[in-house]
């Protein structure tokens, strides 16, 4: 895993600071998505009631077809809103644990839910973006499709960088936890200690510097 790690965030910031920034961004995005999902669900419910009232005024022969069309459209919209609300809720929940870990600079296990969730979401979004990009190329022209794919690639690259920042911070915290446990053992008979492919100096049972 050491080859997949990032040593620092942008502008020389530490991984801890980078994880905080990523967490705040995800928390804002998740909150906005949750609010929009709720608002759209309420708007759709109001619109359905209005459309059903209008449809009742149509000719009987056309009522069933119109009603089926409206029902299908709002069912799809409602399903999308439910998915958005659930996804946003999971994002908010996992991000809260991420921020707790980053602010306290410990408990690496608090980062795992976010890492797993974002990895799954990333794969789903990549698949959807490729499909939709091809669809746009066929329906709207290659220019639109290629533009969408380029934008998706840029967004995916930034997202992937954020994910690796959090993953690297998770690995860093795990190493620190192991080092802390290792240093608490009795090592008074040693002056040089090997740990995790590195060599450290120890004094009175405590590791205090890297060789």
N, C-alpha and C. Protein backbone atom coordinates (compact mmCIF):
# COMPACT_ATOMS: atom_id res chain seq x y z
N UNK A 1 0.81 -1.21 0.00
CA UNK A 1 0.00 0.00 0.00
C UNK A 1 0.85 1.27 0.00
N UNK A 2 2.16 1.14 0.29
CA UNK A 2 2.97 2.35 0.38
C UNK A 2 3.13 3.03 -0.96
N UNK A 3 2.95 2.29 -2.07
CA UNK A 3 3.08 2.89 -3.39
C UNK A 3 1.84 3.69 -3.78
N UNK A 4 0.73 3.47 -3.08
CA UNK A 4 -0.51 4.19 -3.37
C UNK A 4 -0.72 5.37 -2.44
N UNK A 5 0.26 5.66 -1.61
CA UNK A 5 0.08 6.69 -0.60
C UNK A 5 0.51 8.05 -1.09
N UNK A 6 -0.12 9.07 -0.50
CA UNK A 6 0.24 10.46 -0.75
C UNK A 6 0.86 11.01 0.53
N UNK A 7 1.95 11.73 0.41
CA UNK A 7 2.66 12.20 1.59
C UNK A 7 2.08 13.48 2.17
N UNK A 8 1.45 14.30 1.31
CA UNK A 8 0.89 15.55 1.81
C UNK A 8 -0.23 16.01 0.89
N UNK A 9 -1.00 16.97 1.40
CA UNK A 9 -2.10 17.55 0.64
C UNK A 9 -1.56 18.70 -0.21
N UNK A 10 -2.43 19.46 -0.82
CA UNK A 10 -2.01 20.58 -1.67
C UNK A 10 -1.29 21.65 -0.85
N UNK A 11 -0.38 22.36 -1.51
CA UNK A 11 0.32 23.51 -0.91
C UNK A 11 1.09 23.13 0.35
N UNK A 12 1.55 21.89 0.42
CA UNK A 12 2.35 21.47 1.56
C UNK A 12 1.57 21.18 2.82
N UNK A 13 0.25 21.18 2.76
CA UNK A 13 -0.55 20.89 3.95
C UNK A 13 -0.43 19.42 4.32
N UNK A 14 -0.60 19.14 5.58
CA UNK A 14 -0.50 17.76 6.06
C UNK A 14 -1.71 16.95 5.61
N UNK A 15 -1.58 15.64 5.72
CA UNK A 15 -2.71 14.77 5.39
C UNK A 15 -3.88 14.99 6.33
N UNK A 16 -3.58 15.32 7.57
CA UNK A 16 -4.65 15.60 8.52
C UNK A 16 -5.46 16.82 8.09
N UNK A 17 -4.76 17.88 7.70
CA UNK A 17 -5.44 19.08 7.22
C UNK A 17 -6.21 18.79 5.94
N UNK A 18 -5.59 18.04 5.04
CA UNK A 18 -6.27 17.67 3.80
C UNK A 18 -7.53 16.87 4.04
N UNK A 19 -7.47 15.96 5.00
CA UNK A 19 -8.65 15.16 5.33
C UNK A 19 -9.76 16.04 5.90
N UNK A 20 -9.38 17.02 6.71
CA UNK A 20 -10.39 17.96 7.23
C UNK A 20 -11.06 18.72 6.09
N UNK A 21 -10.26 19.18 5.13
CA UNK A 21 -10.81 19.93 4.00
C UNK A 21 -11.74 19.05 3.18
N UNK A 22 -11.30 17.82 2.91
CA UNK A 22 -12.14 16.88 2.16
C UNK A 22 -13.44 16.61 2.92
N UNK A 23 -13.33 16.46 4.23
CA UNK A 23 -14.51 16.20 5.04
C UNK A 23 -15.51 17.35 5.01
N UNK A 24 -15.01 18.57 5.10
CA UNK A 24 -15.90 19.74 5.06
C UNK A 24 -16.60 19.83 3.71
N UNK A 25 -15.84 19.60 2.63
CA UNK A 25 -16.43 19.64 1.29
C UNK A 25 -17.53 18.59 1.15
N UNK A 26 -17.24 17.37 1.59
CA UNK A 26 -18.22 16.29 1.48
C UNK A 26 -19.44 16.56 2.35
N UNK A 27 -19.21 17.16 3.52
CA UNK A 27 -20.34 17.47 4.40
C UNK A 27 -21.25 18.51 3.77
N UNK A 28 -20.66 19.52 3.15
CA UNK A 28 -21.46 20.55 2.47
C UNK A 28 -22.22 19.95 1.29
N UNK A 29 -21.52 19.16 0.47
CA UNK A 29 -22.17 18.55 -0.69
C UNK A 29 -23.28 17.60 -0.26
N UNK A 30 -23.02 16.79 0.77
CA UNK A 30 -24.04 15.87 1.25
C UNK A 30 -25.25 16.59 1.81
N UNK A 31 -25.02 17.68 2.53
CA UNK A 31 -26.14 18.45 3.09
C UNK A 31 -26.97 19.08 1.99
N UNK A 32 -26.30 19.65 0.99
CA UNK A 32 -27.03 20.25 -0.14
C UNK A 32 -27.84 19.19 -0.88
N UNK A 33 -27.24 18.02 -1.11
CA UNK A 33 -27.96 16.95 -1.79
C UNK A 33 -29.17 16.48 -0.99
N UNK A 34 -29.02 16.40 0.32
CA UNK A 34 -30.14 15.98 1.17
C UNK A 34 -31.28 17.00 1.12
N UNK A 35 -30.94 18.28 1.22
CA UNK A 35 -31.96 19.33 1.18
C UNK A 35 -32.67 19.35 -0.17
N UNK A 36 -31.90 19.25 -1.25
CA UNK A 36 -32.50 19.25 -2.59
C UNK A 36 -33.42 18.04 -2.78
N UNK A 37 -33.00 16.89 -2.24
CA UNK A 37 -33.84 15.70 -2.34
C UNK A 37 -35.17 15.88 -1.63
N UNK A 38 -35.14 16.48 -0.44
CA UNK A 38 -36.37 16.73 0.32
C UNK A 38 -37.26 17.73 -0.42
N UNK A 39 -36.65 18.83 -0.88
CA UNK A 39 -37.41 19.87 -1.58
C UNK A 39 -38.05 19.32 -2.85
N UNK A 40 -37.28 18.55 -3.63
CA UNK A 40 -37.82 17.98 -4.87
C UNK A 40 -38.94 16.99 -4.58
N UNK A 41 -38.81 16.23 -3.51
CA UNK A 41 -39.86 15.27 -3.16
C UNK A 41 -41.16 15.99 -2.82
N UNK A 42 -41.04 17.08 -2.06
CA UNK A 42 -42.24 17.86 -1.71
C UNK A 42 -42.83 18.51 -2.96
N UNK A 43 -41.97 19.04 -3.82
CA UNK A 43 -42.45 19.67 -5.06
C UNK A 43 -43.16 18.67 -5.95
N UNK A 44 -42.61 17.47 -6.04
CA UNK A 44 -43.23 16.43 -6.87
C UNK A 44 -44.58 16.02 -6.32
N UNK A 45 -44.68 15.94 -4.99
CA UNK A 45 -45.95 15.56 -4.38
C UNK A 45 -47.03 16.60 -4.68
N UNK A 46 -46.66 17.87 -4.61
CA UNK A 46 -47.61 18.94 -4.92
C UNK A 46 -47.98 18.91 -6.40
N UNK A 47 -46.97 18.68 -7.26
CA UNK A 47 -47.22 18.65 -8.70
C UNK A 47 -48.11 17.48 -9.09
N UNK A 48 -47.92 16.34 -8.44
CA UNK A 48 -48.75 15.17 -8.74
C UNK A 48 -50.21 15.46 -8.43
N UNK A 49 -50.47 16.08 -7.30
CA UNK A 49 -51.85 16.40 -6.94
C UNK A 49 -52.48 17.36 -7.95
N UNK A 50 -51.71 18.33 -8.42
CA UNK A 50 -52.22 19.29 -9.40
C UNK A 50 -52.48 18.61 -10.74
N UNK A 51 -51.54 17.77 -11.17
CA UNK A 51 -51.70 17.09 -12.46
C UNK A 51 -52.88 16.13 -12.44
N UNK A 52 -53.06 15.44 -11.32
CA UNK A 52 -54.18 14.51 -11.24
C UNK A 52 -55.51 15.26 -11.32
N UNK A 53 -55.56 16.44 -10.73
CA UNK A 53 -56.79 17.23 -10.81
C UNK A 53 -57.05 17.69 -12.24
N UNK A 54 -55.98 18.05 -12.96
CA UNK A 54 -56.14 18.48 -14.35
C UNK A 54 -56.55 17.32 -15.25
N UNK A 55 -55.99 16.15 -14.97
CA UNK A 55 -56.28 14.99 -15.82
C UNK A 55 -57.75 14.59 -15.71
N UNK A 56 -58.34 14.76 -14.54
CA UNK A 56 -59.74 14.39 -14.36
C UNK A 56 -60.67 15.21 -15.25
N UNK A 57 -60.18 16.33 -15.75
CA UNK A 57 -61.00 17.18 -16.60
C UNK A 57 -60.89 16.78 -18.08
N UNK A 58 -60.01 15.87 -18.39
CA UNK A 58 -59.82 15.45 -19.78
C UNK A 58 -60.90 14.47 -20.21
N UNK A 59 -60.88 14.19 -21.47
CA UNK A 59 -61.80 13.20 -22.02
C UNK A 59 -61.47 11.83 -21.45
N UNK A 60 -62.49 11.04 -21.18
CA UNK A 60 -62.29 9.74 -20.52
C UNK A 60 -61.35 8.85 -21.32
N UNK A 61 -61.44 8.90 -22.62
CA UNK A 61 -60.60 8.03 -23.44
C UNK A 61 -59.13 8.36 -23.34
N UNK A 62 -58.82 9.59 -22.96
CA UNK A 62 -57.42 10.00 -22.87
C UNK A 62 -56.94 10.03 -21.43
N UNK A 63 -57.85 9.88 -20.52
CA UNK A 63 -57.48 10.02 -19.11
C UNK A 63 -56.50 8.95 -18.67
N UNK A 64 -56.76 7.69 -19.03
CA UNK A 64 -55.90 6.60 -18.58
C UNK A 64 -54.47 6.76 -19.10
N UNK A 65 -54.34 7.10 -20.39
CA UNK A 65 -53.01 7.27 -20.96
C UNK A 65 -52.27 8.42 -20.28
N UNK A 66 -52.96 9.52 -20.07
CA UNK A 66 -52.32 10.68 -19.43
C UNK A 66 -51.92 10.35 -18.00
N UNK A 67 -52.83 9.67 -17.32
CA UNK A 67 -52.55 9.33 -15.93
C UNK A 67 -51.36 8.38 -15.82
N UNK A 68 -51.29 7.41 -16.73
CA UNK A 68 -50.17 6.48 -16.72
C UNK A 68 -48.85 7.19 -16.98
N UNK A 69 -48.87 8.15 -17.92
CA UNK A 69 -47.65 8.88 -18.24
C UNK A 69 -47.18 9.71 -17.06
N UNK A 70 -48.12 10.43 -16.44
CA UNK A 70 -47.76 11.27 -15.29
C UNK A 70 -47.27 10.41 -14.13
N UNK A 71 -47.97 9.30 -13.90
CA UNK A 71 -47.58 8.41 -12.80
C UNK A 71 -46.18 7.87 -13.02
N UNK A 72 -45.87 7.47 -14.26
CA UNK A 72 -44.54 6.94 -14.56
C UNK A 72 -43.46 7.99 -14.36
N UNK A 73 -43.71 9.20 -14.85
CA UNK A 73 -42.72 10.27 -14.74
C UNK A 73 -42.42 10.61 -13.28
N UNK A 74 -43.47 10.74 -12.50
CA UNK A 74 -43.26 11.12 -11.11
C UNK A 74 -42.74 9.95 -10.27
N UNK A 75 -43.03 8.73 -10.69
CA UNK A 75 -42.46 7.58 -9.99
C UNK A 75 -40.95 7.54 -10.18
N UNK A 76 -40.50 7.81 -11.41
CA UNK A 76 -39.07 7.84 -11.68
C UNK A 76 -38.40 8.98 -10.92
N UNK A 77 -39.04 10.14 -10.92
CA UNK A 77 -38.49 11.28 -10.19
C UNK A 77 -38.45 11.01 -8.70
N UNK A 78 -39.50 10.37 -8.19
CA UNK A 78 -39.53 10.04 -6.77
C UNK A 78 -38.44 9.05 -6.39
N UNK A 79 -38.20 8.06 -7.25
CA UNK A 79 -37.14 7.09 -6.99
C UNK A 79 -35.77 7.76 -6.98
N UNK A 80 -35.55 8.68 -7.91
CA UNK A 80 -34.28 9.41 -7.94
C UNK A 80 -34.08 10.23 -6.67
N UNK A 81 -35.16 10.85 -6.20
CA UNK A 81 -35.06 11.65 -4.98
C UNK A 81 -34.76 10.78 -3.76
N UNK A 82 -35.37 9.60 -3.71
CA UNK A 82 -35.11 8.69 -2.60
C UNK A 82 -33.65 8.25 -2.59
N UNK A 83 -33.14 7.91 -3.78
CA UNK A 83 -31.73 7.52 -3.89
C UNK A 83 -30.83 8.67 -3.47
N UNK A 84 -31.18 9.88 -3.89
CA UNK A 84 -30.37 11.05 -3.53
C UNK A 84 -30.38 11.28 -2.02
N UNK A 85 -31.55 11.14 -1.40
CA UNK A 85 -31.65 11.36 0.04
C UNK A 85 -30.86 10.30 0.81
N UNK A 86 -31.00 9.04 0.40
CA UNK A 86 -30.27 7.96 1.08
C UNK A 86 -28.76 8.14 0.91
N UNK A 87 -28.34 8.43 -0.33
CA UNK A 87 -26.92 8.64 -0.58
C UNK A 87 -26.36 9.81 0.19
N UNK A 88 -27.11 10.90 0.25
CA UNK A 88 -26.65 12.08 0.99
C UNK A 88 -26.58 11.80 2.49
N UNK A 89 -27.54 11.03 2.99
CA UNK A 89 -27.53 10.68 4.41
C UNK A 89 -26.31 9.84 4.76
N UNK A 90 -25.99 8.86 3.92
CA UNK A 90 -24.81 8.04 4.15
C UNK A 90 -23.53 8.88 4.07
N UNK A 91 -23.49 9.80 3.12
CA UNK A 91 -22.32 10.67 2.98
C UNK A 91 -22.14 11.53 4.23
N UNK A 92 -23.23 12.11 4.72
CA UNK A 92 -23.16 12.95 5.91
C UNK A 92 -22.69 12.13 7.12
N UNK A 93 -23.27 10.94 7.28
CA UNK A 93 -22.94 10.10 8.44
C UNK A 93 -21.46 9.69 8.43
N UNK A 94 -20.99 9.19 7.28
CA UNK A 94 -19.59 8.75 7.21
C UNK A 94 -18.63 9.92 7.30
N UNK A 95 -19.03 11.07 6.79
CA UNK A 95 -18.16 12.25 6.85
C UNK A 95 -18.03 12.77 8.27
N UNK A 96 -19.08 12.67 9.06
CA UNK A 96 -19.00 13.09 10.46
C UNK A 96 -17.95 12.27 11.20
N UNK A 97 -17.95 10.95 10.98
CA UNK A 97 -16.93 10.11 11.61
C UNK A 97 -15.54 10.47 11.09
N UNK A 98 -15.44 10.78 9.80
CA UNK A 98 -14.16 11.19 9.23
C UNK A 98 -13.63 12.45 9.90
N UNK A 99 -14.50 13.43 10.09
CA UNK A 99 -14.07 14.69 10.71
C UNK A 99 -13.69 14.49 12.17
N UNK A 100 -14.39 13.62 12.86
CA UNK A 100 -14.03 13.33 14.26
C UNK A 100 -12.62 12.75 14.32
N UNK A 101 -12.33 11.81 13.43
CA UNK A 101 -11.00 11.20 13.40
C UNK A 101 -9.93 12.23 13.05
N UNK A 102 -10.22 13.08 12.06
CA UNK A 102 -9.23 14.06 11.62
C UNK A 102 -8.98 15.12 12.69
N UNK A 103 -10.02 15.57 13.37
CA UNK A 103 -9.84 16.62 14.37
C UNK A 103 -9.12 16.10 15.61
N UNK A 104 -9.36 14.84 15.95
CA UNK A 104 -8.70 14.26 17.12
C UNK A 104 -7.39 13.58 16.77
N UNK A 105 -7.15 13.41 15.47
CA UNK A 105 -5.91 12.81 14.98
C UNK A 105 -5.69 11.40 15.54
N UNK A 106 -6.76 10.64 15.62
CA UNK A 106 -6.66 9.24 16.01
C UNK A 106 -7.93 8.51 15.58
N UNK A 107 -8.05 7.25 15.99
CA UNK A 107 -9.17 6.39 15.59
C UNK A 107 -9.26 6.24 14.07
N UNK A 108 -8.28 5.57 13.47
CA UNK A 108 -8.31 5.38 12.01
C UNK A 108 -9.52 4.60 11.52
N UNK A 109 -10.10 3.76 12.38
CA UNK A 109 -11.27 2.99 11.96
C UNK A 109 -12.46 3.88 11.63
N UNK A 110 -12.48 5.09 12.16
CA UNK A 110 -13.56 6.03 11.85
C UNK A 110 -13.50 6.48 10.38
N UNK A 111 -12.35 6.31 9.75
CA UNK A 111 -12.20 6.71 8.36
C UNK A 111 -12.67 5.64 7.38
N UNK A 112 -12.70 4.40 7.84
CA UNK A 112 -13.02 3.29 6.94
C UNK A 112 -14.39 3.39 6.28
N UNK A 113 -15.47 3.73 7.01
CA UNK A 113 -16.78 3.82 6.34
C UNK A 113 -16.77 4.79 5.16
N UNK A 114 -16.12 5.94 5.34
CA UNK A 114 -16.06 6.93 4.25
C UNK A 114 -15.25 6.38 3.09
N UNK A 115 -14.13 5.74 3.38
CA UNK A 115 -13.27 5.20 2.32
C UNK A 115 -14.02 4.15 1.50
N UNK A 116 -14.73 3.26 2.18
CA UNK A 116 -15.46 2.20 1.48
C UNK A 116 -16.62 2.77 0.68
N UNK A 117 -17.39 3.66 1.31
CA UNK A 117 -18.55 4.26 0.62
C UNK A 117 -18.12 5.03 -0.62
N UNK A 118 -17.08 5.84 -0.49
CA UNK A 118 -16.65 6.65 -1.63
C UNK A 118 -16.04 5.79 -2.74
N UNK A 119 -15.41 4.69 -2.38
CA UNK A 119 -14.86 3.79 -3.40
C UNK A 119 -15.99 3.18 -4.23
N UNK A 120 -17.05 2.73 -3.55
CA UNK A 120 -18.19 2.16 -4.25
C UNK A 120 -18.88 3.22 -5.11
N UNK A 121 -19.09 4.40 -4.52
CA UNK A 121 -19.74 5.48 -5.25
C UNK A 121 -18.93 5.90 -6.47
N UNK A 122 -17.62 5.92 -6.32
CA UNK A 122 -16.74 6.31 -7.42
C UNK A 122 -16.90 5.36 -8.61
N UNK A 123 -16.93 4.07 -8.34
CA UNK A 123 -17.09 3.09 -9.42
C UNK A 123 -18.44 3.23 -10.11
N UNK A 124 -19.49 3.47 -9.31
CA UNK A 124 -20.83 3.64 -9.89
C UNK A 124 -20.88 4.89 -10.76
N UNK A 125 -20.32 5.98 -10.27
CA UNK A 125 -20.35 7.24 -11.02
C UNK A 125 -19.53 7.13 -12.30
N UNK A 126 -18.39 6.44 -12.24
CA UNK A 126 -17.58 6.26 -13.45
C UNK A 126 -18.36 5.48 -14.51
N UNK A 127 -19.02 4.41 -14.09
CA UNK A 127 -19.81 3.63 -15.03
C UNK A 127 -20.95 4.43 -15.63
N UNK A 128 -21.63 5.20 -14.78
CA UNK A 128 -22.74 6.03 -15.27
C UNK A 128 -22.24 7.12 -16.21
N UNK A 129 -21.10 7.73 -15.88
CA UNK A 129 -20.56 8.80 -16.72
C UNK A 129 -20.18 8.28 -18.10
N UNK A 130 -19.58 7.10 -18.15
CA UNK A 130 -19.22 6.52 -19.45
C UNK A 130 -20.46 6.23 -20.28
N UNK A 131 -21.46 5.65 -19.62
CA UNK A 131 -22.71 5.34 -20.33
C UNK A 131 -23.38 6.61 -20.84
N UNK A 132 -23.49 7.61 -19.97
CA UNK A 132 -24.18 8.84 -20.35
C UNK A 132 -23.38 9.63 -21.39
N UNK A 133 -22.04 9.55 -21.29
CA UNK A 133 -21.21 10.22 -22.29
C UNK A 133 -21.40 9.64 -23.68
N UNK A 134 -21.48 8.31 -23.75
CA UNK A 134 -21.73 7.65 -25.04
C UNK A 134 -23.13 8.00 -25.55
N UNK A 135 -24.09 8.02 -24.63
CA UNK A 135 -25.46 8.37 -25.01
C UNK A 135 -25.54 9.79 -25.57
N UNK A 136 -24.85 10.73 -24.93
CA UNK A 136 -24.85 12.11 -25.42
C UNK A 136 -24.17 12.21 -26.78
N UNK A 137 -23.11 11.42 -26.97
CA UNK A 137 -22.42 11.45 -28.26
C UNK A 137 -23.32 10.98 -29.39
N UNK A 138 -24.15 9.99 -29.09
CA UNK A 138 -25.06 9.46 -30.12
C UNK A 138 -26.25 10.40 -30.34
N UNK A 139 -26.81 10.89 -29.24
CA UNK A 139 -28.03 11.69 -29.34
C UNK A 139 -27.76 13.15 -29.67
N UNK A 140 -26.71 13.71 -29.09
CA UNK A 140 -26.49 15.15 -29.25
C UNK A 140 -25.27 15.53 -30.06
N UNK A 141 -24.49 14.57 -30.47
CA UNK A 141 -23.29 14.88 -31.24
C UNK A 141 -22.03 14.59 -30.44
N UNK A 142 -20.95 14.34 -31.17
CA UNK A 142 -19.70 13.97 -30.51
C UNK A 142 -19.13 15.10 -29.66
N UNK A 143 -19.36 16.34 -30.08
CA UNK A 143 -18.83 17.47 -29.32
C UNK A 143 -19.37 17.50 -27.90
N UNK A 144 -20.68 17.34 -27.77
CA UNK A 144 -21.30 17.36 -26.44
C UNK A 144 -20.84 16.16 -25.61
N UNK A 145 -20.82 14.99 -26.26
CA UNK A 145 -20.41 13.78 -25.54
C UNK A 145 -18.98 13.84 -25.06
N UNK A 146 -18.07 14.29 -25.94
CA UNK A 146 -16.66 14.39 -25.56
C UNK A 146 -16.46 15.44 -24.47
N UNK A 147 -17.18 16.56 -24.59
CA UNK A 147 -17.09 17.59 -23.55
C UNK A 147 -17.53 17.07 -22.20
N UNK A 148 -18.61 16.29 -22.21
CA UNK A 148 -19.10 15.71 -20.96
C UNK A 148 -18.09 14.73 -20.38
N UNK A 149 -17.49 13.91 -21.25
CA UNK A 149 -16.52 12.92 -20.78
C UNK A 149 -15.27 13.60 -20.22
N UNK A 150 -14.82 14.68 -20.87
CA UNK A 150 -13.65 15.40 -20.37
C UNK A 150 -13.94 15.99 -18.99
N UNK A 151 -15.11 16.60 -18.86
CA UNK A 151 -15.49 17.14 -17.55
C UNK A 151 -15.59 16.05 -16.50
N UNK A 152 -16.10 14.90 -16.89
CA UNK A 152 -16.22 13.78 -15.96
C UNK A 152 -14.85 13.27 -15.53
N UNK A 153 -13.91 13.22 -16.48
CA UNK A 153 -12.56 12.75 -16.17
C UNK A 153 -11.87 13.70 -15.19
N UNK A 154 -12.03 15.00 -15.41
CA UNK A 154 -11.43 15.99 -14.50
C UNK A 154 -12.03 15.85 -13.10
N UNK A 155 -13.36 15.75 -13.04
CA UNK A 155 -14.01 15.59 -11.74
C UNK A 155 -13.61 14.29 -11.06
N UNK A 156 -13.51 13.22 -11.84
CA UNK A 156 -13.11 11.92 -11.27
C UNK A 156 -11.68 11.96 -10.76
N UNK A 157 -10.81 12.67 -11.48
CA UNK A 157 -9.42 12.80 -11.03
C UNK A 157 -9.31 13.52 -9.70
N UNK A 158 -10.08 14.61 -9.55
CA UNK A 158 -10.08 15.35 -8.29
C UNK A 158 -10.65 14.50 -7.17
N UNK A 159 -11.73 13.80 -7.46
CA UNK A 159 -12.37 12.92 -6.48
C UNK A 159 -11.40 11.82 -6.05
N UNK A 160 -10.69 11.25 -7.01
CA UNK A 160 -9.75 10.18 -6.71
C UNK A 160 -8.60 10.69 -5.85
N UNK A 161 -8.15 11.92 -6.13
CA UNK A 161 -7.10 12.52 -5.32
C UNK A 161 -7.57 12.69 -3.88
N UNK A 162 -8.77 13.19 -3.67
CA UNK A 162 -9.33 13.33 -2.33
C UNK A 162 -9.38 11.98 -1.62
N UNK A 163 -9.79 10.95 -2.37
CA UNK A 163 -9.91 9.62 -1.77
C UNK A 163 -8.55 9.10 -1.32
N UNK A 164 -7.52 9.31 -2.14
CA UNK A 164 -6.19 8.86 -1.78
C UNK A 164 -5.62 9.65 -0.61
N UNK A 165 -6.01 10.91 -0.48
CA UNK A 165 -5.58 11.70 0.67
C UNK A 165 -6.11 11.08 1.96
N UNK A 166 -7.39 10.76 1.97
CA UNK A 166 -7.99 10.15 3.16
C UNK A 166 -7.42 8.76 3.40
N UNK A 167 -7.23 7.98 2.34
CA UNK A 167 -6.64 6.65 2.49
C UNK A 167 -5.23 6.74 3.07
N UNK A 168 -4.45 7.68 2.58
CA UNK A 168 -3.08 7.85 3.08
C UNK A 168 -3.08 8.27 4.54
N UNK A 169 -4.02 9.13 4.90
CA UNK A 169 -4.13 9.56 6.30
C UNK A 169 -4.54 8.38 7.18
N UNK A 170 -5.42 7.54 6.66
CA UNK A 170 -5.83 6.34 7.39
C UNK A 170 -4.63 5.43 7.66
N UNK A 171 -3.81 5.21 6.64
CA UNK A 171 -2.62 4.37 6.81
C UNK A 171 -1.62 5.01 7.77
N UNK A 172 -1.52 6.33 7.71
CA UNK A 172 -0.62 7.05 8.61
C UNK A 172 -1.06 6.89 10.06
N UNK A 173 -2.36 7.02 10.30
CA UNK A 173 -2.86 6.86 11.67
C UNK A 173 -2.67 5.43 12.16
N UNK A 174 -2.85 4.46 11.28
CA UNK A 174 -2.64 3.07 11.68
C UNK A 174 -1.18 2.84 12.07
N UNK A 175 -0.27 3.40 11.30
CA UNK A 175 1.15 3.26 11.63
C UNK A 175 1.47 3.93 12.95
N UNK A 176 0.90 5.12 13.16
CA UNK A 176 1.14 5.82 14.43
C UNK A 176 0.61 5.02 15.61
N UNK A 177 -0.56 4.39 15.43
CA UNK A 177 -1.13 3.59 16.51
C UNK A 177 -0.26 2.38 16.81
N UNK A 178 0.24 1.73 15.77
CA UNK A 178 1.12 0.58 15.98
C UNK A 178 2.43 1.02 16.63
N UNK A 179 2.94 2.16 16.20
CA UNK A 179 4.18 2.67 16.77
C UNK A 179 4.01 3.02 18.24
N UNK A 180 2.85 3.57 18.58
CA UNK A 180 2.58 3.90 19.97
C UNK A 180 2.51 2.64 20.82
N UNK A 181 1.85 1.62 20.31
CA UNK A 181 1.78 0.36 21.05
C UNK A 181 3.16 -0.27 21.18
N UNK A 182 3.93 -0.17 20.12
CA UNK A 182 5.26 -0.76 20.13
C UNK A 182 6.17 -0.04 21.11
N UNK A 183 6.03 1.28 21.18
CA UNK A 183 6.90 2.07 22.04
C UNK A 183 6.57 1.90 23.51
N UNK A 184 5.34 1.45 23.80
CA UNK A 184 4.94 1.27 25.19
C UNK A 184 5.46 -0.04 25.78
N UNK A 185 6.00 -0.90 24.93
CA UNK A 185 6.57 -2.14 25.44
C UNK A 185 7.93 -1.86 26.09
N UNK A 186 8.35 -2.78 26.87
CA UNK A 186 9.64 -2.63 27.55
C UNK A 186 10.77 -2.87 26.56
N UNK A 187 11.55 -1.83 26.29
CA UNK A 187 12.67 -1.94 25.36
C UNK A 187 13.91 -1.28 25.94
N UNK A 188 14.07 -1.39 27.25
CA UNK A 188 15.17 -0.72 27.91
C UNK A 188 16.53 -1.31 27.53
N UNK A 189 16.52 -2.52 27.00
CA UNK A 189 17.78 -3.16 26.64
C UNK A 189 18.21 -2.84 25.22
N UNK A 190 17.45 -2.01 24.52
CA UNK A 190 17.75 -1.73 23.13
C UNK A 190 18.01 -0.24 22.93
N UNK A 191 18.91 0.05 22.05
CA UNK A 191 19.16 1.42 21.65
C UNK A 191 18.68 1.69 20.23
N UNK A 192 18.68 0.65 19.41
CA UNK A 192 18.21 0.77 18.03
C UNK A 192 17.04 -0.19 17.85
N UNK A 193 15.93 0.34 17.33
CA UNK A 193 14.72 -0.45 17.18
C UNK A 193 14.28 -0.42 15.73
N UNK A 194 13.99 -1.59 15.18
CA UNK A 194 13.48 -1.69 13.81
C UNK A 194 11.97 -1.82 13.87
N UNK A 195 11.30 -1.00 13.07
CA UNK A 195 9.84 -1.04 13.04
C UNK A 195 9.35 -0.60 11.67
N UNK A 196 8.52 -1.46 11.06
CA UNK A 196 7.87 -1.12 9.79
C UNK A 196 8.88 -0.69 8.72
N UNK A 197 9.92 -1.51 8.58
CA UNK A 197 10.97 -1.27 7.58
C UNK A 197 11.75 0.02 7.84
N UNK A 198 11.68 0.53 9.05
CA UNK A 198 12.44 1.72 9.40
C UNK A 198 13.19 1.46 10.70
N UNK A 199 14.19 2.27 10.97
CA UNK A 199 15.01 2.09 12.17
C UNK A 199 14.85 3.32 13.05
N UNK A 200 14.62 3.09 14.36
CA UNK A 200 14.40 4.17 15.30
C UNK A 200 15.34 4.02 16.49
N UNK A 201 15.65 5.13 17.12
CA UNK A 201 16.38 5.12 18.39
C UNK A 201 15.38 5.05 19.54
N UNK A 202 15.76 4.34 20.59
CA UNK A 202 14.89 4.26 21.75
C UNK A 202 15.69 4.59 23.01
N UNK A 203 14.97 5.13 23.98
CA UNK A 203 15.60 5.47 25.25
C UNK A 203 14.59 5.24 26.36
N UNK A 204 14.97 4.40 27.31
CA UNK A 204 14.12 4.09 28.45
C UNK A 204 12.75 3.59 28.00
N UNK A 205 12.77 2.76 26.98
CA UNK A 205 11.54 2.13 26.54
C UNK A 205 10.68 2.97 25.62
N UNK A 206 11.12 4.17 25.22
CA UNK A 206 10.35 5.05 24.36
C UNK A 206 11.11 5.36 23.08
N UNK A 207 10.40 5.24 21.97
CA UNK A 207 11.00 5.61 20.69
C UNK A 207 10.92 7.12 20.55
N UNK A 208 12.06 7.77 20.31
CA UNK A 208 12.02 9.22 20.27
C UNK A 208 12.57 9.82 18.98
N UNK A 209 13.22 9.04 18.12
CA UNK A 209 13.71 9.61 16.87
C UNK A 209 13.95 8.50 15.86
N UNK A 210 13.92 8.90 14.60
CA UNK A 210 14.17 7.96 13.51
C UNK A 210 15.63 8.06 13.08
N UNK A 211 16.24 6.91 12.84
CA UNK A 211 17.64 6.89 12.42
C UNK A 211 17.73 7.18 10.94
